[in-house]
PDB file of N, CA and C in Angstrom:
ATOM      1  N   UNK A   1       3.613   6.784 -20.346  1.00  0.00           N
ATOM      2  CA  UNK A   1       2.357   6.301 -19.841  1.00  0.00           C
ATOM      3  C   UNK A   1       1.277   7.326 -20.192  1.00  0.00           C
ATOM      4  N   UNK A   2       0.108   6.867 -20.547  1.00  0.00           N
ATOM      5  CA  UNK A   2      -1.013   7.750 -20.857  1.00  0.00           C
ATOM      6  C   UNK A   2      -1.964   7.836 -19.673  1.00  0.00           C
ATOM      7  N   UNK A   3      -2.687   8.938 -19.604  1.00  0.00           N
ATOM      8  CA  UNK A   3      -3.709   9.135 -18.582  1.00  0.00           C
ATOM      9  C   UNK A   3      -4.803   9.999 -19.192  1.00  0.00           C
ATOM     10  N   UNK A   4      -5.968  10.010 -18.593  1.00  0.00           N
ATOM     11  CA  UNK A   4      -7.041  10.859 -19.096  1.00  0.00           C
ATOM     12  C   UNK A   4      -6.674  12.323 -18.873  1.00  0.00           C
ATOM     13  N   UNK A   5      -6.838  13.141 -19.890  1.00  0.00           N
ATOM     14  CA  UNK A   5      -6.508  14.561 -19.800  1.00  0.00           C
ATOM     15  C   UNK A   5      -7.585  15.286 -18.995  1.00  0.00           C
ATOM     16  N   UNK A   6      -7.146  16.093 -18.051  1.00  0.00           N
ATOM     17  CA  UNK A   6      -8.067  16.834 -17.201  1.00  0.00           C
ATOM     18  C   UNK A   6      -7.957  18.329 -17.470  1.00  0.00           C
ATOM     19  N   UNK A   7      -9.089  19.018 -17.440  1.00  0.00           N
ATOM     20  CA  UNK A   7      -9.131  20.466 -17.551  1.00  0.00           C
ATOM     21  C   UNK A   7      -8.415  21.051 -16.338  1.00  0.00           C
ATOM     22  N   UNK A   8      -7.528  21.999 -16.546  1.00  0.00           N
ATOM     23  CA  UNK A   8      -6.723  22.519 -15.439  1.00  0.00           C
ATOM     24  C   UNK A   8      -7.512  23.377 -14.452  1.00  0.00           C
ATOM     25  N   UNK A   9      -8.642  23.945 -14.873  1.00  0.00           N
ATOM     26  CA  UNK A   9      -9.442  24.754 -13.950  1.00  0.00           C
ATOM     27  C   UNK A   9     -10.443  23.910 -13.170  1.00  0.00           C
ATOM     28  N   UNK A  10     -11.155  23.033 -13.851  1.00  0.00           N
ATOM     29  CA  UNK A  10     -12.220  22.249 -13.214  1.00  0.00           C
ATOM     30  C   UNK A  10     -11.766  20.868 -12.775  1.00  0.00           C
ATOM     31  N   UNK A  11     -10.585  20.449 -13.212  1.00  0.00           N
ATOM     32  CA  UNK A  11     -10.038  19.126 -12.934  1.00  0.00           C
ATOM     33  C   UNK A  11     -11.055  18.059 -13.311  1.00  0.00           C
ATOM     34  N   UNK A  12     -11.574  18.207 -14.540  1.00  0.00           N
ATOM     35  CA  UNK A  12     -12.579  17.303 -15.064  1.00  0.00           C
ATOM     36  C   UNK A  12     -12.139  16.851 -16.453  1.00  0.00           C
ATOM     37  N   UNK A  13     -12.752  15.807 -16.959  1.00  0.00           N
ATOM     38  CA  UNK A  13     -12.417  15.291 -18.273  1.00  0.00           C
ATOM     39  C   UNK A  13     -12.671  16.331 -19.356  1.00  0.00           C
ATOM     40  N   UNK A  14     -11.892  16.263 -20.416  1.00  0.00           N
ATOM     41  CA  UNK A  14     -12.091  17.128 -21.584  1.00  0.00           C
ATOM     42  C   UNK A  14     -12.180  16.243 -22.822  1.00  0.00           C
ATOM     43  N   UNK A  15     -12.739  16.811 -23.878  1.00  0.00           N
ATOM     44  CA  UNK A  15     -12.894  16.083 -25.126  1.00  0.00           C
ATOM     45  C   UNK A  15     -11.850  16.528 -26.133  1.00  0.00           C
ATOM     46  N   UNK A  16     -11.461  15.603 -27.006  1.00  0.00           N
ATOM     47  CA  UNK A  16     -10.550  15.974 -28.084  1.00  0.00           C
ATOM     48  C   UNK A  16     -11.368  16.520 -29.256  1.00  0.00           C
ATOM     49  N   UNK A  17     -10.727  16.847 -30.357  1.00  0.00           N
ATOM     50  CA  UNK A  17     -11.410  17.471 -31.497  1.00  0.00           C
ATOM     51  C   UNK A  17     -12.442  16.540 -32.131  1.00  0.00           C
ATOM     52  N   UNK A  18     -12.332  15.235 -31.906  1.00  0.00           N
ATOM     53  CA  UNK A  18     -13.287  14.266 -32.460  1.00  0.00           C
ATOM     54  C   UNK A  18     -14.443  13.980 -31.512  1.00  0.00           C
ATOM     55  N   UNK A  19     -14.443  14.596 -30.342  1.00  0.00           N
ATOM     56  CA  UNK A  19     -15.506  14.378 -29.366  1.00  0.00           C
ATOM     57  C   UNK A  19     -15.254  13.202 -28.437  1.00  0.00           C
ATOM     58  N   UNK A  20     -14.063  12.628 -28.495  1.00  0.00           N
ATOM     59  CA  UNK A  20     -13.692  11.532 -27.597  1.00  0.00           C
ATOM     60  C   UNK A  20     -13.041  12.094 -26.337  1.00  0.00           C
ATOM     61  N   UNK A  21     -13.016  11.287 -25.298  1.00  0.00           N
ATOM     62  CA  UNK A  21     -12.329  11.709 -24.082  1.00  0.00           C
ATOM     63  C   UNK A  21     -10.852  11.848 -24.410  1.00  0.00           C
ATOM     64  N   UNK A  22     -10.287  13.013 -24.102  1.00  0.00           N
ATOM     65  CA  UNK A  22      -8.897  13.305 -24.441  1.00  0.00           C
ATOM     66  C   UNK A  22      -7.944  12.546 -23.527  1.00  0.00           C
ATOM     67  N   UNK A  23      -6.791  12.217 -24.081  1.00  0.00           N
ATOM     68  CA  UNK A  23      -5.760  11.482 -23.366  1.00  0.00           C
ATOM     69  C   UNK A  23      -4.476  12.305 -23.364  1.00  0.00           C
ATOM     70  N   UNK A  24      -3.808  12.336 -22.228  1.00  0.00           N
ATOM     71  CA  UNK A  24      -2.509  13.006 -22.115  1.00  0.00           C
ATOM     72  C   UNK A  24      -1.411  11.948 -22.172  1.00  0.00           C
ATOM     73  N   UNK A  25      -0.297  12.309 -22.770  1.00  0.00           N
ATOM     74  CA  UNK A  25       0.832  11.381 -22.844  1.00  0.00           C
ATOM     75  C   UNK A  25       2.054  12.010 -22.176  1.00  0.00           C
ATOM     76  N   UNK A  26       3.118  11.220 -22.067  1.00  0.00           N
ATOM     77  CA  UNK A  26       4.353  11.709 -21.442  1.00  0.00           C
ATOM     78  C   UNK A  26       4.897  12.916 -22.177  1.00  0.00           C
ATOM     79  N   UNK A  27       5.505  13.850 -21.511  1.00  0.00           N
ATOM     80  CA  UNK A  27       5.772  13.904 -20.077  1.00  0.00           C
ATOM     81  C   UNK A  27       4.645  14.537 -19.265  1.00  0.00           C
ATOM     82  N   UNK A  28       3.679  15.188 -19.939  1.00  0.00           N
ATOM     83  CA  UNK A  28       2.627  15.875 -19.198  1.00  0.00           C
ATOM     84  C   UNK A  28       1.780  14.914 -18.371  1.00  0.00           C
ATOM     85  N   UNK A  29       1.548  13.695 -18.863  1.00  0.00           N
ATOM     86  CA  UNK A  29       0.704  12.755 -18.132  1.00  0.00           C
ATOM     87  C   UNK A  29       1.274  12.447 -16.746  1.00  0.00           C
ATOM     88  N   UNK A  30       2.589  12.360 -16.635  1.00  0.00           N
ATOM     89  CA  UNK A  30       3.216  12.085 -15.337  1.00  0.00           C
ATOM     90  C   UNK A  30       3.042  13.290 -14.415  1.00  0.00           C
ATOM     91  N   UNK A  31       3.199  14.499 -14.956  1.00  0.00           N
ATOM     92  CA  UNK A  31       3.004  15.715 -14.143  1.00  0.00           C
ATOM     93  C   UNK A  31       1.555  15.826 -13.686  1.00  0.00           C
ATOM     94  N   UNK A  32       0.608  15.527 -14.571  1.00  0.00           N
ATOM     95  CA  UNK A  32      -0.802  15.584 -14.193  1.00  0.00           C
ATOM     96  C   UNK A  32      -1.116  14.540 -13.129  1.00  0.00           C
ATOM     97  N   UNK A  33      -0.579  13.337 -13.254  1.00  0.00           N
ATOM     98  CA  UNK A  33      -0.786  12.317 -12.230  1.00  0.00           C
ATOM     99  C   UNK A  33      -0.202  12.768 -10.888  1.00  0.00           C
ATOM    100  N   UNK A  34       0.925  13.468 -10.945  1.00  0.00           N
ATOM    101  CA  UNK A  34       1.504  14.018  -9.720  1.00  0.00           C
ATOM    102  C   UNK A  34       0.591  15.052  -9.084  1.00  0.00           C
ATOM    103  N   UNK A  35       0.030  15.945  -9.910  1.00  0.00           N
ATOM    104  CA  UNK A  35      -0.895  16.955  -9.387  1.00  0.00           C
ATOM    105  C   UNK A  35      -2.158  16.289  -8.844  1.00  0.00           C
ATOM    106  N   UNK A  36      -2.610  15.223  -9.489  1.00  0.00           N
ATOM    107  CA  UNK A  36      -3.785  14.495  -8.995  1.00  0.00           C
ATOM    108  C   UNK A  36      -3.518  13.873  -7.635  1.00  0.00           C
ATOM    109  N   UNK A  37      -2.298  13.388  -7.430  1.00  0.00           N
ATOM    110  CA  UNK A  37      -1.971  12.766  -6.147  1.00  0.00           C
ATOM    111  C   UNK A  37      -2.071  13.766  -4.999  1.00  0.00           C
ATOM    112  N   UNK A  38      -1.910  15.047  -5.301  1.00  0.00           N
ATOM    113  CA  UNK A  38      -1.995  16.079  -4.257  1.00  0.00           C
ATOM    114  C   UNK A  38      -3.429  16.318  -3.804  1.00  0.00           C
ATOM    115  N   UNK A  39      -4.393  15.823  -4.561  1.00  0.00           N
ATOM    116  CA  UNK A  39      -5.800  15.989  -4.198  1.00  0.00           C
ATOM    117  C   UNK A  39      -6.317  14.836  -3.336  1.00  0.00           C
ATOM    118  N   UNK A  40      -5.493  13.814  -3.136  1.00  0.00           N
ATOM    119  CA  UNK A  40      -5.895  12.658  -2.337  1.00  0.00           C
ATOM    120  C   UNK A  40      -5.624  12.929  -0.859  1.00  0.00           C
ATOM    121  N   UNK A  41      -6.672  12.877  -0.067  1.00  0.00           N
ATOM    122  CA  UNK A  41      -6.540  13.052   1.381  1.00  0.00           C
ATOM    123  C   UNK A  41      -6.036  11.754   2.001  1.00  0.00           C
ATOM    124  N   UNK A  42      -5.109  11.872   2.951  1.00  0.00           N
ATOM    125  CA  UNK A  42      -4.621  10.673   3.626  1.00  0.00           C
ATOM    126  C   UNK A  42      -5.792   9.972   4.306  1.00  0.00           C
ATOM    127  N   UNK A  43      -5.896   8.662   4.085  1.00  0.00           N
ATOM    128  CA  UNK A  43      -6.996   7.882   4.641  1.00  0.00           C
ATOM    129  C   UNK A  43      -8.175   7.746   3.702  1.00  0.00           C
ATOM    130  N   UNK A  44      -8.197   8.475   2.604  1.00  0.00           N
ATOM    131  CA  UNK A  44      -9.331   8.467   1.679  1.00  0.00           C
ATOM    132  C   UNK A  44      -9.317   7.258   0.740  1.00  0.00           C
ATOM    133  N   UNK A  45      -8.154   6.749   0.420  1.00  0.00           N
ATOM    134  CA  UNK A  45      -8.019   5.617  -0.489  1.00  0.00           C
ATOM    135  C   UNK A  45      -8.295   4.349   0.307  1.00  0.00           C
ATOM    136  N   UNK A  46      -9.470   3.769   0.126  1.00  0.00           N
ATOM    137  CA  UNK A  46      -9.939   2.711   1.013  1.00  0.00           C
ATOM    138  C   UNK A  46      -9.046   1.478   1.025  1.00  0.00           C
ATOM    139  N   UNK A  47      -8.350   1.168  -0.068  1.00  0.00           N
ATOM    140  CA  UNK A  47      -7.524  -0.036  -0.079  1.00  0.00           C
ATOM    141  C   UNK A  47      -6.096   0.218   0.417  1.00  0.00           C
ATOM    142  N   UNK A  48      -5.718   1.472   0.637  1.00  0.00           N
ATOM    143  CA  UNK A  48      -4.419   1.803   1.237  1.00  0.00           C
ATOM    144  C   UNK A  48      -4.529   3.170   1.897  1.00  0.00           C
ATOM    145  N   UNK A  49      -4.943   3.175   3.142  1.00  0.00           N
ATOM    146  CA  UNK A  49      -5.204   4.438   3.847  1.00  0.00           C
ATOM    147  C   UNK A  49      -3.940   5.190   4.235  1.00  0.00           C
ATOM    148  N   UNK A  50      -2.766   4.603   3.964  1.00  0.00           N
ATOM    149  CA  UNK A  50      -1.521   5.323   4.242  1.00  0.00           C
ATOM    150  C   UNK A  50      -1.175   6.304   3.124  1.00  0.00           C
ATOM    151  N   UNK A  51      -1.781   6.141   1.954  1.00  0.00           N
ATOM    152  CA  UNK A  51      -1.504   7.048   0.845  1.00  0.00           C
ATOM    153  C   UNK A  51      -2.277   8.350   1.005  1.00  0.00           C
ATOM    154  N   UNK A  52      -1.766   9.405   0.400  1.00  0.00           N
ATOM    155  CA  UNK A  52      -2.442  10.695   0.423  1.00  0.00           C
ATOM    156  C   UNK A  52      -1.709  11.720   1.269  1.00  0.00           C
ATOM    157  N   UNK A  53      -2.121  12.949   1.104  1.00  0.00           N
ATOM    158  CA  UNK A  53      -1.522  14.070   1.826  1.00  0.00           C
ATOM    159  C   UNK A  53      -2.211  14.204   3.187  1.00  0.00           C
ATOM    160  N   UNK A  54      -1.465  14.368   4.271  1.00  0.00           N
ATOM    161  CA  UNK A  54      -2.066  14.469   5.607  1.00  0.00           C
ATOM    162  C   UNK A  54      -2.663  15.862   5.871  1.00  0.00           C
ATOM    163  N   UNK A  55      -3.613  16.246   5.029  1.00  0.00           N
ATOM    164  CA  UNK A  55      -4.216  17.569   5.165  1.00  0.00           C
ATOM    165  C   UNK A  55      -4.882  17.733   6.528  1.00  0.00           C
ATOM    166  N   UNK A  56      -5.758  16.801   6.920  1.00  0.00           N
ATOM    167  CA  UNK A  56      -6.464  16.930   8.193  1.00  0.00           C
ATOM    168  C   UNK A  56      -5.525  16.741   9.377  1.00  0.00           C
ATOM    169  N   UNK A  57      -4.565  15.854   9.219  1.00  0.00           N
ATOM    170  CA  UNK A  57      -3.670  15.540  10.323  1.00  0.00           C
ATOM    171  C   UNK A  57      -2.625  16.625  10.566  1.00  0.00           C
ATOM    172  N   UNK A  58      -2.139  17.285   9.502  1.00  0.00           N
ATOM    173  CA  UNK A  58      -0.991  18.174   9.657  1.00  0.00           C
ATOM    174  C   UNK A  58      -1.120  19.572   9.057  1.00  0.00           C
ATOM    175  N   UNK A  59      -2.113  19.809   8.184  1.00  0.00           N
ATOM    176  CA  UNK A  59      -2.139  21.079   7.457  1.00  0.00           C
ATOM    177  C   UNK A  59      -3.388  21.902   7.750  1.00  0.00           C
ATOM    178  N   UNK A  60      -4.583  21.318   7.593  1.00  0.00           N
ATOM    179  CA  UNK A  60      -5.824  22.065   7.802  1.00  0.00           C
ATOM    180  C   UNK A  60      -5.943  22.496   9.260  1.00  0.00           C
ATOM    181  N   UNK A  61      -6.454  23.692   9.469  1.00  0.00           N
ATOM    182  CA  UNK A  61      -6.673  24.185  10.822  1.00  0.00           C
ATOM    183  C   UNK A  61      -5.427  24.717  11.496  1.00  0.00           C
ATOM    184  N   UNK A  62      -4.355  24.795  10.766  1.00  0.00           N
ATOM    185  CA  UNK A  62      -3.094  25.292  11.305  1.00  0.00           C
ATOM    186  C   UNK A  62      -2.700  26.560  10.539  1.00  0.00           C
ATOM    187  N   UNK A  63      -1.835  27.352  11.139  1.00  0.00           N
ATOM    188  CA  UNK A  63      -1.291  28.494  10.415  1.00  0.00           C
ATOM    189  C   UNK A  63      -0.469  27.957   9.244  1.00  0.00           C
ATOM    190  N   UNK A  64      -0.623  28.530   8.049  1.00  0.00           N
ATOM    191  CA  UNK A  64       0.090  27.996   6.889  1.00  0.00           C
ATOM    192  C   UNK A  64       1.609  28.043   7.066  1.00  0.00           C
ATOM    193  N   UNK A  65       2.217  26.901   7.062  1.00  0.00           N
ATOM    194  CA  UNK A  65       3.663  26.779   7.110  1.00  0.00           C
ATOM    195  C   UNK A  65       4.083  26.378   5.685  1.00  0.00           C
ATOM    196  N   UNK A  66       4.386  27.373   4.883  1.00  0.00           N
ATOM    197  CA  UNK A  66       4.636  27.160   3.460  1.00  0.00           C
ATOM    198  C   UNK A  66       5.772  26.163   3.198  1.00  0.00           C
ATOM    199  N   UNK A  67       6.929  26.293   3.829  1.00  0.00           N
ATOM    200  CA  UNK A  67       7.993  25.307   3.560  1.00  0.00           C
ATOM    201  C   UNK A  67       7.568  23.867   3.881  1.00  0.00           C
ATOM    202  N   UNK A  68       6.841  23.689   4.981  1.00  0.00           N
ATOM    203  CA  UNK A  68       6.372  22.348   5.336  1.00  0.00           C
ATOM    204  C   UNK A  68       5.398  21.825   4.283  1.00  0.00           C
ATOM    205  N   UNK A  69       4.441  22.650   3.882  1.00  0.00           N
ATOM    206  CA  UNK A  69       3.472  22.234   2.866  1.00  0.00           C
ATOM    207  C   UNK A  69       4.172  21.828   1.581  1.00  0.00           C
ATOM    208  N   UNK A  70       5.127  22.630   1.137  1.00  0.00           N
ATOM    209  CA  UNK A  70       5.846  22.326  -0.095  1.00  0.00           C
ATOM    210  C   UNK A  70       6.594  21.001   0.012  1.00  0.00           C
ATOM    211  N   UNK A  71       7.222  20.743   1.146  1.00  0.00           N
ATOM    212  CA  UNK A  71       7.978  19.496   1.295  1.00  0.00           C
ATOM    213  C   UNK A  71       7.050  18.278   1.342  1.00  0.00           C
ATOM    214  N   UNK A  72       5.915  18.399   2.031  1.00  0.00           N
ATOM    215  CA  UNK A  72       4.952  17.289   2.102  1.00  0.00           C
ATOM    216  C   UNK A  72       4.373  17.004   0.719  1.00  0.00           C
ATOM    217  N   UNK A  73       4.012  18.051  -0.014  1.00  0.00           N
ATOM    218  CA  UNK A  73       3.422  17.867  -1.340  1.00  0.00           C
ATOM    219  C   UNK A  73       4.435  17.271  -2.318  1.00  0.00           C
ATOM    220  N   UNK A  74       5.658  17.753  -2.286  1.00  0.00           N
ATOM    221  CA  UNK A  74       6.690  17.200  -3.179  1.00  0.00           C
ATOM    222  C   UNK A  74       6.962  15.740  -2.842  1.00  0.00           C
ATOM    223  N   UNK A  75       6.997  15.400  -1.572  1.00  0.00           N
ATOM    224  CA  UNK A  75       7.228  14.009  -1.168  1.00  0.00           C
ATOM    225  C   UNK A  75       6.101  13.100  -1.638  1.00  0.00           C
ATOM    226  N   UNK A  76       4.873  13.575  -1.586  1.00  0.00           N
ATOM    227  CA  UNK A  76       3.732  12.781  -2.045  1.00  0.00           C
ATOM    228  C   UNK A  76       3.848  12.463  -3.525  1.00  0.00           C
ATOM    229  N   UNK A  77       4.292  13.416  -4.304  1.00  0.00           N
ATOM    230  CA  UNK A  77       4.401  13.226  -5.757  1.00  0.00           C
ATOM    231  C   UNK A  77       5.489  12.205  -6.096  1.00  0.00           C
ATOM    232  N   UNK A  78       6.478  12.063  -5.243  1.00  0.00           N
ATOM    233  CA  UNK A  78       7.542  11.098  -5.497  1.00  0.00           C
ATOM    234  C   UNK A  78       7.036   9.652  -5.498  1.00  0.00           C
ATOM    235  N   UNK A  79       5.839   9.407  -4.949  1.00  0.00           N
ATOM    236  CA  UNK A  79       5.250   8.067  -4.948  1.00  0.00           C
ATOM    237  C   UNK A  79       4.559   7.728  -6.268  1.00  0.00           C
ATOM    238  N   UNK A  80       4.410   8.705  -7.151  1.00  0.00           N
ATOM    239  CA  UNK A  80       3.761   8.475  -8.447  1.00  0.00           C
ATOM    240  C   UNK A  80       4.734   7.719  -9.354  1.00  0.00           C
ATOM    241  N   UNK A  81       4.279   6.631  -9.980  1.00  0.00           N
ATOM    242  CA  UNK A  81       5.167   5.871 -10.868  1.00  0.00           C
ATOM    243  C   UNK A  81       5.766   6.756 -11.964  1.00  0.00           C
ATOM    244  N   UNK A  82       7.059   6.637 -12.144  1.00  0.00           N
ATOM    245  CA  UNK A  82       7.753   7.392 -13.181  1.00  0.00           C
ATOM    246  C   UNK A  82       8.356   8.697 -12.717  1.00  0.00           C
ATOM    247  N   UNK A  83       8.026   9.158 -11.516  1.00  0.00           N
ATOM    248  CA  UNK A  83       8.558  10.425 -11.005  1.00  0.00           C
ATOM    249  C   UNK A  83       9.861  10.152 -10.260  1.00  0.00           C
ATOM    250  N   UNK A  84      10.911  10.875 -10.640  1.00  0.00           N
ATOM    251  CA  UNK A  84      12.198  10.721  -9.952  1.00  0.00           C
ATOM    252  C   UNK A  84      12.555  11.945  -9.106  1.00  0.00           C
ATOM    253  N   UNK A  85      11.957  13.102  -9.415  1.00  0.00           N
ATOM    254  CA  UNK A  85      12.199  14.325  -8.632  1.00  0.00           C
ATOM    255  C   UNK A  85      10.970  15.211  -8.731  1.00  0.00           C
ATOM    256  N   UNK A  86      10.717  15.978  -7.678  1.00  0.00           N
ATOM    257  CA  UNK A  86       9.563  16.871  -7.668  1.00  0.00           C
ATOM    258  C   UNK A  86       9.880  18.138  -6.890  1.00  0.00           C
ATOM    259  N   UNK A  87       9.404  19.266  -7.420  1.00  0.00           N
ATOM    260  CA  UNK A  87       9.539  20.554  -6.746  1.00  0.00           C
ATOM    261  C   UNK A  87       8.159  21.193  -6.730  1.00  0.00           C
ATOM    262  N   UNK A  88       7.755  21.675  -5.569  1.00  0.00           N
ATOM    263  CA  UNK A  88       6.439  22.274  -5.406  1.00  0.00           C
ATOM    264  C   UNK A  88       6.568  23.786  -5.249  1.00  0.00           C
ATOM    265  N   UNK A  89       5.712  24.520  -5.952  1.00  0.00           N
ATOM    266  CA  UNK A  89       5.643  25.969  -5.843  1.00  0.00           C
ATOM    267  C   UNK A  89       4.230  26.342  -5.420  1.00  0.00           C
ATOM    268  N   UNK A  90       4.101  27.135  -4.359  1.00  0.00           N
ATOM    269  CA  UNK A  90       2.810  27.655  -3.906  1.00  0.00           C
ATOM    270  C   UNK A  90       2.689  29.062  -4.485  1.00  0.00           C
ATOM    271  N   UNK A  91       1.650  29.286  -5.282  1.00  0.00           N
ATOM    272  CA  UNK A  91       1.487  30.602  -5.896  1.00  0.00           C
ATOM    273  C   UNK A  91       0.501  31.491  -5.156  1.00  0.00           C
ATOM    274  N   UNK A  92      -0.474  30.888  -4.463  1.00  0.00           N
ATOM    275  CA  UNK A  92      -1.408  31.715  -3.689  1.00  0.00           C
ATOM    276  C   UNK A  92      -2.130  30.865  -2.652  1.00  0.00           C
ATOM    277  N   UNK A  93      -2.497  31.537  -1.573  1.00  0.00           N
ATOM    278  CA  UNK A  93      -3.376  30.969  -0.560  1.00  0.00           C
ATOM    279  C   UNK A  93      -4.420  32.041  -0.290  1.00  0.00           C
ATOM    280  N   UNK A  94      -5.636  31.803  -0.787  1.00  0.00           N
ATOM    281  CA  UNK A  94      -6.721  32.769  -0.622  1.00  0.00           C
ATOM    282  C   UNK A  94      -7.990  32.033  -0.248  1.00  0.00           C
ATOM    283  N   UNK A  95      -8.694  32.557   0.739  1.00  0.00           N
ATOM    284  CA  UNK A  95      -9.955  31.961   1.172  1.00  0.00           C
ATOM    285  C   UNK A  95      -9.826  30.460   1.383  1.00  0.00           C
ATOM    286  N   UNK A  96      -8.736  30.047   2.004  1.00  0.00           N
ATOM    287  CA  UNK A  96      -8.466  28.656   2.342  1.00  0.00           C
ATOM    288  C   UNK A  96      -8.230  27.768   1.121  1.00  0.00           C
ATOM    289  N   UNK A  97      -7.957  28.376  -0.028  1.00  0.00           N
ATOM    290  CA  UNK A  97      -7.617  27.633  -1.233  1.00  0.00           C
ATOM    291  C   UNK A  97      -6.137  27.812  -1.531  1.00  0.00           C
ATOM    292  N   UNK A  98      -5.470  26.709  -1.734  1.00  0.00           N
ATOM    293  CA  UNK A  98      -4.049  26.734  -2.066  1.00  0.00           C
ATOM    294  C   UNK A  98      -3.899  26.428  -3.545  1.00  0.00           C
ATOM    295  N   UNK A  99      -3.170  27.268  -4.235  1.00  0.00           N
ATOM    296  CA  UNK A  99      -2.891  27.060  -5.658  1.00  0.00           C
ATOM    297  C   UNK A  99      -1.383  27.040  -5.838  1.00  0.00           C
ATOM    298  N   UNK A 100      -0.961  26.253  -6.808  1.00  0.00           N
ATOM    299  CA  UNK A 100       0.459  26.180  -7.069  1.00  0.00           C
ATOM    300  C   UNK A 100       0.759  25.354  -8.286  1.00  0.00           C
ATOM    301  N   UNK A 101       2.005  24.928  -8.350  1.00  0.00           N
ATOM    302  CA  UNK A 101       2.469  24.144  -9.480  1.00  0.00           C
ATOM    303  C   UNK A 101       3.431  23.082  -8.963  1.00  0.00           C
ATOM    304  N   UNK A 102       3.324  21.892  -9.528  1.00  0.00           N
ATOM    305  CA  UNK A 102       4.279  20.839  -9.212  1.00  0.00           C
ATOM    306  C   UNK A 102       5.107  20.592 -10.472  1.00  0.00           C
ATOM    307  N   UNK A 103       6.407  20.671 -10.323  1.00  0.00           N
ATOM    308  CA  UNK A 103       7.313  20.398 -11.436  1.00  0.00           C
ATOM    309  C   UNK A 103       7.994  19.076 -11.157  1.00  0.00           C
ATOM    310  N   UNK A 104       7.882  18.167 -12.099  1.00  0.00           N
ATOM    311  CA  UNK A 104       8.439  16.840 -11.899  1.00  0.00           C
ATOM    312  C   UNK A 104       9.482  16.514 -12.965  1.00  0.00           C
ATOM    313  N   UNK A 105      10.383  15.648 -12.590  1.00  0.00           N
ATOM    314  CA  UNK A 105      11.313  15.052 -13.539  1.00  0.00           C
ATOM    315  C   UNK A 105      10.970  13.573 -13.566  1.00  0.00           C
ATOM    316  N   UNK A 106      10.760  13.045 -14.777  1.00  0.00           N
ATOM    317  CA  UNK A 106      10.375  11.643 -14.878  1.00  0.00           C
ATOM    318  C   UNK A 106      11.585  10.751 -15.105  1.00  0.00           C
ATOM    319  N   UNK A 107      11.336   9.453 -15.195  1.00  0.00           N
ATOM    320  CA  UNK A 107      12.424   8.484 -15.329  1.00  0.00           C
ATOM    321  C   UNK A 107      13.162   8.597 -16.660  1.00  0.00           C
ATOM    322  N   UNK A 108      12.604   9.346 -17.621  1.00  0.00           N
ATOM    323  CA  UNK A 108      13.285   9.608 -18.891  1.00  0.00           C
ATOM    324  C   UNK A 108      14.119  10.880 -18.842  1.00  0.00           C
ATOM    325  N   UNK A 109      14.115  11.559 -17.683  1.00  0.00           N
ATOM    326  CA  UNK A 109      14.873  12.795 -17.531  1.00  0.00           C
ATOM    327  C   UNK A 109      14.146  14.026 -18.025  1.00  0.00           C
ATOM    328  N   UNK A 110      12.887  13.865 -18.424  1.00  0.00           N
ATOM    329  CA  UNK A 110      12.113  15.010 -18.904  1.00  0.00           C
ATOM    330  C   UNK A 110      11.456  15.725 -17.726  1.00  0.00           C
ATOM    331  N   UNK A 111      11.460  17.045 -17.780  1.00  0.00           N
ATOM    332  CA  UNK A 111      10.819  17.850 -16.756  1.00  0.00           C
ATOM    333  C   UNK A 111       9.544  18.451 -17.313  1.00  0.00           C
ATOM    334  N   UNK A 112       8.482  18.376 -16.539  1.00  0.00           N
ATOM    335  CA  UNK A 112       7.206  18.962 -16.935  1.00  0.00           C
ATOM    336  C   UNK A 112       6.506  19.478 -15.691  1.00  0.00           C
ATOM    337  N   UNK A 113       5.421  20.200 -15.889  1.00  0.00           N
ATOM    338  CA  UNK A 113       4.732  20.834 -14.759  1.00  0.00           C
ATOM    339  C   UNK A 113       3.229  20.736 -14.939  1.00  0.00           C
ATOM    340  N   UNK A 114       2.540  20.758 -13.800  1.00  0.00           N
ATOM    341  CA  UNK A 114       1.075  20.809 -13.798  1.00  0.00           C
ATOM    342  C   UNK A 114       0.655  21.672 -12.619  1.00  0.00           C
ATOM    343  N   UNK A 115      -0.397  22.428 -12.836  1.00  0.00           N
ATOM    344  CA  UNK A 115      -0.927  23.290 -11.778  1.00  0.00           C
ATOM    345  C   UNK A 115      -1.894  22.505 -10.909  1.00  0.00           C
ATOM    346  N   UNK A 116      -2.013  22.955  -9.662  1.00  0.00           N
ATOM    347  CA  UNK A 116      -3.010  22.361  -8.768  1.00  0.00           C
ATOM    348  C   UNK A 116      -3.727  23.462  -8.031  1.00  0.00           C
TER     349      UNK A 116
END
């Protein structure tokens, strides 16, 4: 499956060498879609408010419980089409910003990763 390629620092569209909007393909596209799903707040998706990470309900304003955060984030990525397994790594928590990496295995058995 293809998806629009996003810059890993700004999480914004990037251009290819021809000046067109760049496209990512498998297996990276599935990993990027998984990382994108981690940016969705629960209740934010107006047509299905059950989707998203329960940041306000369970994570924000609480002492960081790293194992819990990792399990919630990995579970969220499992809802992305094509993902069969997910492992979340938290690399830093600074100034209320969480950075890490999600490693996914897709339905073709390929493993790839994307930072968040």
